[in-house]
Amino acid sequence: MSSTAFLDREVTCREYVLRYAEDVVHCEAELLAAYGSSDGSELEDALCNQKEFDGDVLVQPDEIEMSLGIHHISLTHPFTLTELREVITDLEHEINNEEEEEEEEEQ
C-alpha cells in the first residue's frame, strides 16, 4: 500500500497530512513560491492562467482570501495546495449551482 493513501484527509487527521504532505505551504512566501509569484496579483494571475480560479485573491501574511461573485473564503496557513484547489473548486461549484438555479427560476 502506498503511504500517500494516508495523506487523504478523509482517512487521516489533518495534522498528519500537514506534517507529511509534499504540497504544504506554511506562509505567504511559500505560497507565492509554489506558483512562481512575487505578490498577490501575480498569484491571482497564475491561478487564472492555470484555469484554477477566476476570482479575486488577497494574500495576507497568515492566510489567503478568495472571492468569486458574492462568495468569499479564506484559508489560514498552514494548508496544502490540494486543499487550496479543493476550496477553489467548491467555490466555483457554488457559483455554478446558483447560476443554474437562477436559470431554472426564470423558466
PDB file of N, CA and C in Angstrom:
ATOM      1  N   MET A   1       0.843  -1.176   0.000  1.00  0.00           N
ATOM      2  CA  MET A   1       0.000   0.000   0.000  1.00  0.00           C
ATOM      3  C   MET A   1       0.890   1.241   0.000  1.00  0.00           C
ATOM      4  N   SER A   2       0.530   2.187  -0.804  1.00  0.00           N
ATOM      5  CA  SER A   2       1.290   3.430  -0.897  1.00  0.00           C
ATOM      6  C   SER A   2       1.042   4.300   0.333  1.00  0.00           C
ATOM      7  N   SER A   3       2.109   4.900   0.840  1.00  0.00           N
ATOM      8  CA  SER A   3       1.972   5.772   2.006  1.00  0.00           C
ATOM      9  C   SER A   3       1.172   7.023   1.683  1.00  0.00           C
ATOM     10  N   THR A   4       1.021   7.365   0.400  1.00  0.00           N
ATOM     11  CA  THR A   4       0.233   8.546   0.036  1.00  0.00           C
ATOM     12  C   THR A   4      -1.243   8.360   0.360  1.00  0.00           C
ATOM     13  N   ALA A   5      -1.672   7.123   0.532  1.00  0.00           N
ATOM     14  CA  ALA A   5      -3.071   6.871   0.906  1.00  0.00           C
ATOM     15  C   ALA A   5      -3.391   7.509   2.251  1.00  0.00           C
ATOM     16  N   PHE A   6      -2.386   7.624   3.107  1.00  0.00           N
ATOM     17  CA  PHE A   6      -2.597   8.216   4.422  1.00  0.00           C
ATOM     18  C   PHE A   6      -2.641   9.741   4.383  1.00  0.00           C
ATOM     19  N   LEU A   7      -2.392  10.328   3.217  1.00  0.00           N
ATOM     20  CA  LEU A   7      -2.455  11.776   3.090  1.00  0.00           C
ATOM     21  C   LEU A   7      -3.848  12.265   2.716  1.00  0.00           C
ATOM     22  N   ASP A   8      -4.774  11.352   2.560  1.00  0.00           N
ATOM     23  CA  ASP A   8      -6.167  11.690   2.278  1.00  0.00           C
ATOM     24  C   ASP A   8      -6.813  12.154   3.576  1.00  0.00           C
ATOM     25  N   ARG A   9      -7.325  13.375   3.586  1.00  0.00           N
ATOM     26  CA  ARG A   9      -7.910  13.926   4.811  1.00  0.00           C
ATOM     27  C   ARG A   9      -9.137  13.164   5.274  1.00  0.00           C
ATOM     28  N   GLU A  10      -9.747  12.381   4.395  1.00  0.00           N
ATOM     29  CA  GLU A  10     -10.900  11.585   4.811  1.00  0.00           C
ATOM     30  C   GLU A  10     -10.468  10.339   5.575  1.00  0.00           C
ATOM     31  N   VAL A  11      -9.189   9.966   5.437  1.00  0.00           N
ATOM     32  CA  VAL A  11      -8.661   8.772   6.074  1.00  0.00           C
ATOM     33  C   VAL A  11      -7.833   9.129   7.315  1.00  0.00           C
ATOM     34  N   THR A  12      -7.131  10.232   7.253  1.00  0.00           N
ATOM     35  CA  THR A  12      -6.147  10.591   8.272  1.00  0.00           C
ATOM     36  C   THR A  12      -6.445  11.982   8.824  1.00  0.00           C
ATOM     37  N   CYS A  13      -6.004  12.230  10.021  1.00  0.00           N
ATOM     38  CA  CYS A  13      -6.219  13.540  10.619  1.00  0.00           C
ATOM     39  C   CYS A  13      -5.441  14.625   9.869  1.00  0.00           C
ATOM     40  N   ARG A  14      -5.931  15.825   9.954  1.00  0.00           N
ATOM     41  CA  ARG A  14      -5.329  16.962   9.248  1.00  0.00           C
ATOM     42  C   ARG A  14      -3.888  17.188   9.686  1.00  0.00           C
ATOM     43  N   GLU A  15      -3.594  17.003  10.956  1.00  0.00           N
ATOM     44  CA  GLU A  15      -2.248  17.215  11.473  1.00  0.00           C
ATOM     45  C   GLU A  15      -1.236  16.299  10.786  1.00  0.00           C
ATOM     46  N   TYR A  16      -1.631  15.049  10.524  1.00  0.00           N
ATOM     47  CA  TYR A  16      -0.751  14.107   9.833  1.00  0.00           C
ATOM     48  C   TYR A  16      -0.488  14.593   8.413  1.00  0.00           C
ATOM     49  N   VAL A  17      -1.550  14.995   7.739  1.00  0.00           N
ATOM     50  CA  VAL A  17      -1.417  15.481   6.368  1.00  0.00           C
ATOM     51  C   VAL A  17      -0.480  16.685   6.325  1.00  0.00           C
ATOM     52  N   LEU A  18      -0.669  17.621   7.245  1.00  0.00           N
ATOM     53  CA  LEU A  18       0.167  18.823   7.248  1.00  0.00           C
ATOM     54  C   LEU A  18       1.625  18.509   7.580  1.00  0.00           C
ATOM     55  N   ARG A  19       1.871  17.438   8.276  1.00  0.00           N
ATOM     56  CA  ARG A  19       3.244  17.070   8.617  1.00  0.00           C
ATOM     57  C   ARG A  19       3.947  16.367   7.461  1.00  0.00           C
ATOM     58  N   TYR A  20       3.228  15.536   6.700  1.00  0.00           N
ATOM     59  CA  TYR A  20       3.895  14.675   5.731  1.00  0.00           C
ATOM     60  C   TYR A  20       3.600  14.954   4.262  1.00  0.00           C
ATOM     61  N   ALA A  21       2.611  15.734   3.966  1.00  0.00           N
ATOM     62  CA  ALA A  21       2.303  16.030   2.556  1.00  0.00           C
ATOM     63  C   ALA A  21       3.413  16.891   1.946  1.00  0.00           C
ATOM     64  N   GLU A  22       3.640  16.704   0.668  1.00  0.00           N
ATOM     65  CA  GLU A  22       4.702  17.443  -0.017  1.00  0.00           C
ATOM     66  C   GLU A  22       4.264  18.830  -0.460  1.00  0.00           C
ATOM     67  N   ASP A  23       2.960  19.088  -0.491  1.00  0.00           N
ATOM     68  CA  ASP A  23       2.477  20.363  -1.022  1.00  0.00           C
ATOM     69  C   ASP A  23       1.980  21.313   0.065  1.00  0.00           C
ATOM     70  N   VAL A  24       2.526  21.215   1.266  1.00  0.00           N
ATOM     71  CA  VAL A  24       2.121  22.086   2.372  1.00  0.00           C
ATOM     72  C   VAL A  24       2.792  23.449   2.226  1.00  0.00           C
ATOM     73  N   VAL A  25       2.003  24.498   2.421  1.00  0.00           N
ATOM     74  CA  VAL A  25       2.557  25.857   2.476  1.00  0.00           C
ATOM     75  C   VAL A  25       2.303  26.386   3.885  1.00  0.00           C
ATOM     76  N   HIS A  26       3.379  26.907   4.481  1.00  0.00           N
ATOM     77  CA  HIS A  26       3.324  27.365   5.871  1.00  0.00           C
ATOM     78  C   HIS A  26       3.217  28.874   5.999  1.00  0.00           C
ATOM     79  N   CYS A  27       3.472  29.582   4.906  1.00  0.00           N
ATOM     80  CA  CYS A  27       3.493  31.044   4.986  1.00  0.00           C
ATOM     81  C   CYS A  27       3.258  31.640   3.599  1.00  0.00           C
ATOM     82  N   GLU A  28       3.104  32.932   3.594  1.00  0.00           N
ATOM     83  CA  GLU A  28       2.871  33.669   2.350  1.00  0.00           C
ATOM     84  C   GLU A  28       3.979  33.421   1.336  1.00  0.00           C
ATOM     85  N   ALA A  29       5.229  33.457   1.773  1.00  0.00           N
ATOM     86  CA  ALA A  29       6.365  33.277   0.862  1.00  0.00           C
ATOM     87  C   ALA A  29       6.329  31.909   0.180  1.00  0.00           C
ATOM     88  N   GLU A  30       5.999  30.862   0.930  1.00  0.00           N
ATOM     89  CA  GLU A  30       5.926  29.522   0.338  1.00  0.00           C
ATOM     90  C   GLU A  30       4.779  29.414  -0.661  1.00  0.00           C
ATOM     91  N   LEU A  31       3.653  30.043  -0.361  1.00  0.00           N
ATOM     92  CA  LEU A  31       2.520  30.029  -1.284  1.00  0.00           C
ATOM     93  C   LEU A  31       2.884  30.720  -2.590  1.00  0.00           C
ATOM     94  N   LEU A  32       3.465  31.898  -2.483  1.00  0.00           N
ATOM     95  CA  LEU A  32       3.861  32.627  -3.688  1.00  0.00           C
ATOM     96  C   LEU A  32       4.890  31.844  -4.486  1.00  0.00           C
ATOM     97  N   ALA A  33       5.862  31.250  -3.799  1.00  0.00           N
ATOM     98  CA  ALA A  33       6.898  30.473  -4.481  1.00  0.00           C
ATOM     99  C   ALA A  33       6.313  29.251  -5.194  1.00  0.00           C
ATOM    100  N   ALA A  34       5.306  28.631  -4.595  1.00  0.00           N
ATOM    101  CA  ALA A  34       4.691  27.447  -5.192  1.00  0.00           C
ATOM    102  C   ALA A  34       4.087  27.753  -6.559  1.00  0.00           C
ATOM    103  N   TYR A  35       3.649  28.988  -6.734  1.00  0.00           N
ATOM    104  CA  TYR A  35       3.057  29.394  -8.011  1.00  0.00           C
ATOM    105  C   TYR A  35       3.993  30.296  -8.815  1.00  0.00           C
ATOM    106  N   GLY A  36       5.226  30.465  -8.368  1.00  0.00           N
ATOM    107  CA  GLY A  36       6.185  31.292  -9.088  1.00  0.00           C
ATOM    108  C   GLY A  36       5.785  32.753  -9.133  1.00  0.00           C
ATOM    109  N   SER A  37       5.183  33.228  -8.050  1.00  0.00           N
ATOM    110  CA  SER A  37       4.668  34.599  -7.997  1.00  0.00           C
ATOM    111  C   SER A  37       5.472  35.427  -6.999  1.00  0.00           C
ATOM    112  N   SER A  38       5.517  36.736  -7.230  1.00  0.00           N
ATOM    113  CA  SER A  38       6.220  37.608  -6.291  1.00  0.00           C
ATOM    114  C   SER A  38       5.263  38.386  -5.403  1.00  0.00           C
ATOM    115  N   ASP A  39       3.969  38.416  -5.781  1.00  0.00           N
ATOM    116  CA  ASP A  39       2.974  39.116  -4.954  1.00  0.00           C
ATOM    117  C   ASP A  39       1.588  38.540  -5.234  1.00  0.00           C
ATOM    118  N   GLY A  40       0.595  39.075  -4.517  1.00  0.00           N
ATOM    119  CA  GLY A  40      -0.767  38.562  -4.629  1.00  0.00           C
ATOM    120  C   GLY A  40      -1.377  38.691  -6.009  1.00  0.00           C
ATOM    121  N   SER A  41      -1.081  39.783  -6.716  1.00  0.00           N
ATOM    122  CA  SER A  41      -1.676  39.942  -8.049  1.00  0.00           C
ATOM    123  C   SER A  41      -1.077  38.934  -9.030  1.00  0.00           C
ATOM    124  N   GLU A  42       0.204  38.630  -8.874  1.00  0.00           N
ATOM    125  CA  GLU A  42       0.806  37.598  -9.730  1.00  0.00           C
ATOM    126  C   GLU A  42       0.237  36.222  -9.400  1.00  0.00           C
ATOM    127  N   LEU A  43      -0.036  35.975  -8.120  1.00  0.00           N
ATOM    128  CA  LEU A  43      -0.654  34.714  -7.729  1.00  0.00           C
ATOM    129  C   LEU A  43      -2.048  34.598  -8.337  1.00  0.00           C
ATOM    130  N   GLU A  44      -2.817  35.671  -8.273  1.00  0.00           N
ATOM    131  CA  GLU A  44      -4.145  35.689  -8.879  1.00  0.00           C
ATOM    132  C   GLU A  44      -4.037  35.384 -10.370  1.00  0.00           C
ATOM    133  N   ASP A  45      -3.081  36.022 -11.059  1.00  0.00           N
ATOM    134  CA  ASP A  45      -2.874  35.758 -12.483  1.00  0.00           C
ATOM    135  C   ASP A  45      -2.489  34.300 -12.722  1.00  0.00           C
ATOM    136  N   ALA A  46      -1.604  33.768 -11.867  1.00  0.00           N
ATOM    137  CA  ALA A  46      -1.170  32.378 -12.026  1.00  0.00           C
ATOM    138  C   ALA A  46      -2.344  31.418 -11.863  1.00  0.00           C
ATOM    139  N   LEU A  47      -3.197  31.664 -10.883  1.00  0.00           N
ATOM    140  CA  LEU A  47      -4.359  30.798 -10.679  1.00  0.00           C
ATOM    141  C   LEU A  47      -5.324  30.885 -11.853  1.00  0.00           C
ATOM    142  N   CYS A  48      -5.508  32.087 -12.381  1.00  0.00           N
ATOM    143  CA  CYS A  48      -6.393  32.266 -13.541  1.00  0.00           C
ATOM    144  C   CYS A  48      -5.804  31.594 -14.778  1.00  0.00           C
ATOM    145  N   ASN A  49      -4.498  31.743 -14.988  1.00  0.00           N
ATOM    146  CA  ASN A  49      -3.848  31.152 -16.155  1.00  0.00           C
ATOM    147  C   ASN A  49      -3.885  29.638 -16.125  1.00  0.00           C
ATOM    148  N   GLN A  50      -3.877  29.067 -14.937  1.00  0.00           N
ATOM    149  CA  GLN A  50      -3.948  27.617 -14.814  1.00  0.00           C
ATOM    150  C   GLN A  50      -5.392  27.123 -14.806  1.00  0.00           C
ATOM    151  N   LYS A  51      -6.311  28.042 -15.068  1.00  0.00           N
ATOM    152  CA  LYS A  51      -7.743  27.719 -15.093  1.00  0.00           C
ATOM    153  C   LYS A  51      -8.218  27.180 -13.750  1.00  0.00           C
ATOM    154  N   GLU A  52      -7.524  27.524 -12.681  1.00  0.00           N
ATOM    155  CA  GLU A  52      -7.942  27.058 -11.369  1.00  0.00           C
ATOM    156  C   GLU A  52      -8.953  27.995 -10.731  1.00  0.00           C
ATOM    157  N   PHE A  53      -8.825  29.290 -11.008  1.00  0.00           N
ATOM    158  CA  PHE A  53      -9.658  30.237 -10.294  1.00  0.00           C
ATOM    159  C   PHE A  53      -9.816  31.501 -11.117  1.00  0.00           C
ATOM    160  N   ASP A  54     -11.030  32.010 -11.170  1.00  0.00           N
ATOM    161  CA  ASP A  54     -11.291  33.229 -11.930  1.00  0.00           C
ATOM    162  C   ASP A  54     -11.973  34.258 -11.021  1.00  0.00           C
ATOM    163  N   GLY A  55     -11.349  34.514  -9.890  1.00  0.00           N
ATOM    164  CA  GLY A  55     -11.909  35.467  -8.943  1.00  0.00           C
ATOM    165  C   GLY A  55     -10.824  36.380  -8.415  1.00  0.00           C
ATOM    166  N   ASP A  56     -11.081  36.970  -7.274  1.00  0.00           N
ATOM    167  CA  ASP A  56     -10.125  37.879  -6.640  1.00  0.00           C
ATOM    168  C   ASP A  56      -9.368  37.148  -5.545  1.00  0.00           C
ATOM    169  N   VAL A  57      -8.083  37.462  -5.441  1.00  0.00           N
ATOM    170  CA  VAL A  57      -7.219  36.832  -4.446  1.00  0.00           C
ATOM    171  C   VAL A  57      -6.545  37.923  -3.629  1.00  0.00           C
ATOM    172  N   LEU A  58      -6.562  37.761  -2.321  1.00  0.00           N
ATOM    173  CA  LEU A  58      -5.853  38.663  -1.426  1.00  0.00           C
ATOM    174  C   LEU A  58      -4.953  37.799  -0.553  1.00  0.00           C
ATOM    175  N   VAL A  59      -3.652  37.994  -0.684  1.00  0.00           N
ATOM    176  CA  VAL A  59      -2.688  37.222   0.090  1.00  0.00           C
ATOM    177  C   VAL A  59      -2.295  38.031   1.316  1.00  0.00           C
ATOM    178  N   GLN A  60      -2.521  37.453   2.470  1.00  0.00           N
ATOM    179  CA  GLN A  60      -2.162  38.062   3.746  1.00  0.00           C
ATOM    180  C   GLN A  60      -1.002  37.263   4.339  1.00  0.00           C
ATOM    181  N   PRO A  61      -0.280  37.822   5.306  1.00  0.00           N
ATOM    182  CA  PRO A  61       0.827  37.076   5.913  1.00  0.00           C
ATOM    183  C   PRO A  61       0.422  35.720   6.488  1.00  0.00           C
ATOM    184  N   ASP A  62      -0.799  35.615   7.026  1.00  0.00           N
ATOM    185  CA  ASP A  62      -1.203  34.360   7.658  1.00  0.00           C
ATOM    186  C   ASP A  62      -2.328  33.614   6.948  1.00  0.00           C
ATOM    187  N   GLU A  63      -2.797  34.136   5.798  1.00  0.00           N
ATOM    188  CA  GLU A  63      -3.883  33.467   5.090  1.00  0.00           C
ATOM    189  C   GLU A  63      -3.989  33.956   3.655  1.00  0.00           C
ATOM    190  N   ILE A  64      -4.797  33.220   2.883  1.00  0.00           N
ATOM    191  CA  ILE A  64      -5.166  33.650   1.539  1.00  0.00           C
ATOM    192  C   ILE A  64      -6.684  33.785   1.530  1.00  0.00           C
ATOM    193  N   GLU A  65      -7.164  34.898   0.994  1.00  0.00           N
ATOM    194  CA  GLU A  65      -8.598  35.131   0.884  1.00  0.00           C
ATOM    195  C   GLU A  65      -8.956  35.122  -0.597  1.00  0.00           C
ATOM    196  N   MET A  66     -10.053  34.443  -0.916  1.00  0.00           N
ATOM    197  CA  MET A  66     -10.503  34.361  -2.296  1.00  0.00           C
ATOM    198  C   MET A  66     -11.971  34.747  -2.369  1.00  0.00           C
ATOM    199  N   SER A  67     -12.303  35.524  -3.382  1.00  0.00           N
ATOM    200  CA  SER A  67     -13.679  35.958  -3.594  1.00  0.00           C
ATOM    201  C   SER A  67     -14.070  35.665  -5.028  1.00  0.00           C
ATOM    202  N   LEU A  68     -15.273  35.172  -5.181  1.00  0.00           N
ATOM    203  CA  LEU A  68     -15.827  34.912  -6.504  1.00  0.00           C
ATOM    204  C   LEU A  68     -17.297  35.285  -6.422  1.00  0.00           C
ATOM    205  N   GLY A  69     -17.654  36.337  -7.144  1.00  0.00           N
ATOM    206  CA  GLY A  69     -19.014  36.845  -7.024  1.00  0.00           C
ATOM    207  C   GLY A  69     -19.238  37.347  -5.611  1.00  0.00           C
ATOM    208  N   ILE A  70     -20.323  36.896  -5.000  1.00  0.00           N
ATOM    209  CA  ILE A  70     -20.607  37.308  -3.621  1.00  0.00           C
ATOM    210  C   ILE A  70     -20.020  36.337  -2.597  1.00  0.00           C
ATOM    211  N   HIS A  71     -19.377  35.296  -3.058  1.00  0.00           N
ATOM    212  CA  HIS A  71     -18.825  34.272  -2.175  1.00  0.00           C
ATOM    213  C   HIS A  71     -17.386  34.611  -1.810  1.00  0.00           C
ATOM    214  N   HIS A  72     -17.061  34.325  -0.565  1.00  0.00           N
ATOM    215  CA  HIS A  72     -15.753  34.649  -0.032  1.00  0.00           C
ATOM    216  C   HIS A  72     -15.304  33.509   0.870  1.00  0.00           C
ATOM    217  N   ILE A  73     -14.037  33.144   0.762  1.00  0.00           N
ATOM    218  CA  ILE A  73     -13.498  32.094   1.628  1.00  0.00           C
ATOM    219  C   ILE A  73     -12.033  32.385   1.885  1.00  0.00           C
ATOM    220  N   SER A  74     -11.546  31.924   3.025  1.00  0.00           N
ATOM    221  CA  SER A  74     -10.128  32.102   3.319  1.00  0.00           C
ATOM    222  C   SER A  74      -9.555  30.805   3.873  1.00  0.00           C
ATOM    223  N   LEU A  75      -8.265  30.626   3.647  1.00  0.00           N
ATOM    224  CA  LEU A  75      -7.513  29.502   4.195  1.00  0.00           C
ATOM    225  C   LEU A  75      -6.384  30.081   5.028  1.00  0.00           C
ATOM    226  N   THR A  76      -6.267  29.611   6.249  1.00  0.00           N
ATOM    227  CA  THR A  76      -5.204  30.056   7.140  1.00  0.00           C
ATOM    228  C   THR A  76      -4.039  29.072   7.046  1.00  0.00           C
ATOM    229  N   HIS A  77      -2.829  29.599   7.014  1.00  0.00           N
ATOM    230  CA  HIS A  77      -1.632  28.749   6.967  1.00  0.00           C
ATOM    231  C   HIS A  77      -1.511  27.964   8.261  1.00  0.00           C
ATOM    232  N   PRO A  78      -1.027  26.737   8.224  1.00  0.00           N
ATOM    233  CA  PRO A  78      -0.601  26.001   7.046  1.00  0.00           C
ATOM    234  C   PRO A  78      -1.778  25.308   6.368  1.00  0.00           C
ATOM    235  N   PHE A  79      -1.636  25.071   5.071  1.00  0.00           N
ATOM    236  CA  PHE A  79      -2.595  24.295   4.299  1.00  0.00           C
ATOM    237  C   PHE A  79      -1.858  23.683   3.128  1.00  0.00           C
ATOM    238  N   THR A  80      -2.494  22.715   2.487  1.00  0.00           N
ATOM    239  CA  THR A  80      -1.871  22.086   1.323  1.00  0.00           C
ATOM    240  C   THR A  80      -2.399  22.736   0.052  1.00  0.00           C
ATOM    241  N   LEU A  81      -1.614  22.648  -0.994  1.00  0.00           N
ATOM    242  CA  LEU A  81      -2.079  23.156  -2.283  1.00  0.00           C
ATOM    243  C   LEU A  81      -3.282  22.353  -2.760  1.00  0.00           C
ATOM    244  N   THR A  82      -3.356  21.108  -2.343  1.00  0.00           N
ATOM    245  CA  THR A  82      -4.530  20.287  -2.652  1.00  0.00           C
ATOM    246  C   THR A  82      -5.769  20.890  -1.998  1.00  0.00           C
ATOM    247  N   GLU A  83      -5.660  21.311  -0.741  1.00  0.00           N
ATOM    248  CA  GLU A  83      -6.775  21.978  -0.066  1.00  0.00           C
ATOM    249  C   GLU A  83      -7.178  23.248  -0.799  1.00  0.00           C
ATOM    250  N   LEU A  84      -6.185  24.014  -1.233  1.00  0.00           N
ATOM    251  CA  LEU A  84      -6.454  25.253  -1.965  1.00  0.00           C
ATOM    252  C   LEU A  84      -7.258  24.954  -3.221  1.00  0.00           C
ATOM    253  N   ARG A  85      -6.837  23.952  -3.978  1.00  0.00           N
ATOM    254  CA  ARG A  85      -7.569  23.590  -5.202  1.00  0.00           C
ATOM    255  C   ARG A  85      -8.982  23.111  -4.882  1.00  0.00           C
ATOM    256  N   GLU A  86      -9.135  22.357  -3.785  1.00  0.00           N
ATOM    257  CA  GLU A  86     -10.472  21.881  -3.396  1.00  0.00           C
ATOM    258  C   GLU A  86     -11.384  23.039  -3.019  1.00  0.00           C
ATOM    259  N   VAL A  87     -10.846  24.012  -2.292  1.00  0.00           N
ATOM    260  CA  VAL A  87     -11.638  25.184  -1.904  1.00  0.00           C
ATOM    261  C   VAL A  87     -12.058  25.969  -3.139  1.00  0.00           C
ATOM    262  N   ILE A  88     -11.136  26.132  -4.073  1.00  0.00           N
ATOM    263  CA  ILE A  88     -11.443  26.844  -5.314  1.00  0.00           C
ATOM    264  C   ILE A  88     -12.544  26.115  -6.076  1.00  0.00           C
ATOM    265  N   THR A  89     -12.425  24.804  -6.176  1.00  0.00           N
ATOM    266  CA  THR A  89     -13.435  24.007  -6.876  1.00  0.00           C
ATOM    267  C   THR A  89     -14.796  24.146  -6.198  1.00  0.00           C
ATOM    268  N   ASP A  90     -14.812  24.072  -4.862  1.00  0.00           N
ATOM    269  CA  ASP A  90     -16.070  24.226  -4.126  1.00  0.00           C
ATOM    270  C   ASP A  90     -16.692  25.598  -4.355  1.00  0.00           C
ATOM    271  N   LEU A  91     -15.858  26.625  -4.358  1.00  0.00           N
ATOM    272  CA  LEU A  91     -16.334  27.990  -4.578  1.00  0.00           C
ATOM    273  C   LEU A  91     -16.950  28.121  -5.970  1.00  0.00           C
ATOM    274  N   GLU A  92     -16.281  27.566  -6.965  1.00  0.00           N
ATOM    275  CA  GLU A  92     -16.800  27.638  -8.330  1.00  0.00           C
ATOM    276  C   GLU A  92     -18.074  26.822  -8.489  1.00  0.00           C
ATOM    277  N   HIS A  93     -18.171  25.686  -7.788  1.00  0.00           N
ATOM    278  CA  HIS A  93     -19.406  24.884  -7.838  1.00  0.00           C
ATOM    279  C   HIS A  93     -20.575  25.651  -7.238  1.00  0.00           C
ATOM    280  N   GLU A  94     -20.321  26.369  -6.160  1.00  0.00           N
ATOM    281  CA  GLU A  94     -21.386  27.185  -5.551  1.00  0.00           C
ATOM    282  C   GLU A  94     -21.920  28.203  -6.543  1.00  0.00           C
ATOM    283  N   ILE A  95     -21.014  28.876  -7.235  1.00  0.00           N
ATOM    284  CA  ILE A  95     -21.411  29.876  -8.233  1.00  0.00           C
ATOM    285  C   ILE A  95     -22.197  29.208  -9.352  1.00  0.00           C
ATOM    286  N   ASN A  96     -21.697  28.087  -9.863  1.00  0.00           N
ATOM    287  CA  ASN A  96     -22.381  27.387 -10.954  1.00  0.00           C
ATOM    288  C   ASN A  96     -23.763  26.913 -10.524  1.00  0.00           C
ATOM    289  N   ASN A  97     -23.885  26.407  -9.302  1.00  0.00           N
ATOM    290  CA  ASN A  97     -25.185  25.956  -8.807  1.00  0.00           C
ATOM    291  C   ASN A  97     -26.163  27.114  -8.699  1.00  0.00           C
ATOM    292  N   GLU A  98     -25.691  28.260  -8.227  1.00  0.00           N
ATOM    293  CA  GLU A  98     -26.567  29.434  -8.139  1.00  0.00           C
ATOM    294  C   GLU A  98     -27.032  29.874  -9.517  1.00  0.00           C
ATOM    295  N   GLU A  99     -26.114  29.868 -10.483  1.00  0.00           N
ATOM    296  CA  GLU A  99     -26.479  30.268 -11.840  1.00  0.00           C
ATOM    297  C   GLU A  99     -27.510  29.317 -12.419  1.00  0.00           C
ATOM    298  N   GLU A 100     -27.345  28.012 -12.168  1.00  0.00           N
ATOM    299  CA  GLU A 100     -28.311  27.034 -12.669  1.00  0.00           C
ATOM    300  C   GLU A 100     -29.673  27.227 -12.011  1.00  0.00           C
ATOM    301  N   GLU A 101     -29.675  27.507 -10.708  1.00  0.00           N
ATOM    302  CA  GLU A 101     -30.939  27.736 -10.008  1.00  0.00           C
ATOM    303  C   GLU A 101     -31.640  28.985 -10.532  1.00  0.00           C
ATOM    304  N   GLU A 102     -30.882  30.033 -10.818  1.00  0.00           N
ATOM    305  CA  GLU A 102     -31.469  31.254 -11.373  1.00  0.00           C
ATOM    306  C   GLU A 102     -32.070  31.004 -12.736  1.00  0.00           C
ATOM    307  N   GLU A 103     -31.383  30.205 -13.573  1.00  0.00           N
ATOM    308  CA  GLU A 103     -31.902  29.884 -14.893  1.00  0.00           C
ATOM    309  C   GLU A 103     -33.202  29.073 -14.778  1.00  0.00           C
ATOM    310  N   GLU A 104     -33.254  28.139 -13.830  1.00  0.00           N
ATOM    311  CA  GLU A 104     -34.461  27.337 -13.643  1.00  0.00           C
ATOM    312  C   GLU A 104     -35.628  28.205 -13.183  1.00  0.00           C
ATOM    313  N   GLU A 105     -35.327  29.175 -12.303  1.00  0.00           N
ATOM    314  CA  GLU A 105     -36.383  30.073 -11.814  1.00  0.00           C
ATOM    315  C   GLU A 105     -36.933  30.937 -12.933  1.00  0.00           C
ATOM    316  N   GLU A 106     -36.077  31.325 -13.889  1.00  0.00           N
ATOM    317  CA  GLU A 106     -36.521  32.165 -14.987  1.00  0.00           C
ATOM    318  C   GLU A 106     -37.422  31.408 -15.951  1.00  0.00           C
ATOM    319  N   GLN A 107     -37.282  30.084 -15.983  1.00  0.00           N
ATOM    320  CA  GLN A 107     -38.092  29.286 -16.915  1.00  0.00           C
ATOM    321  C   GLN A 107     -39.396  29.031 -16.317  1.00  0.00           C
TER     322      GLN A 107
END
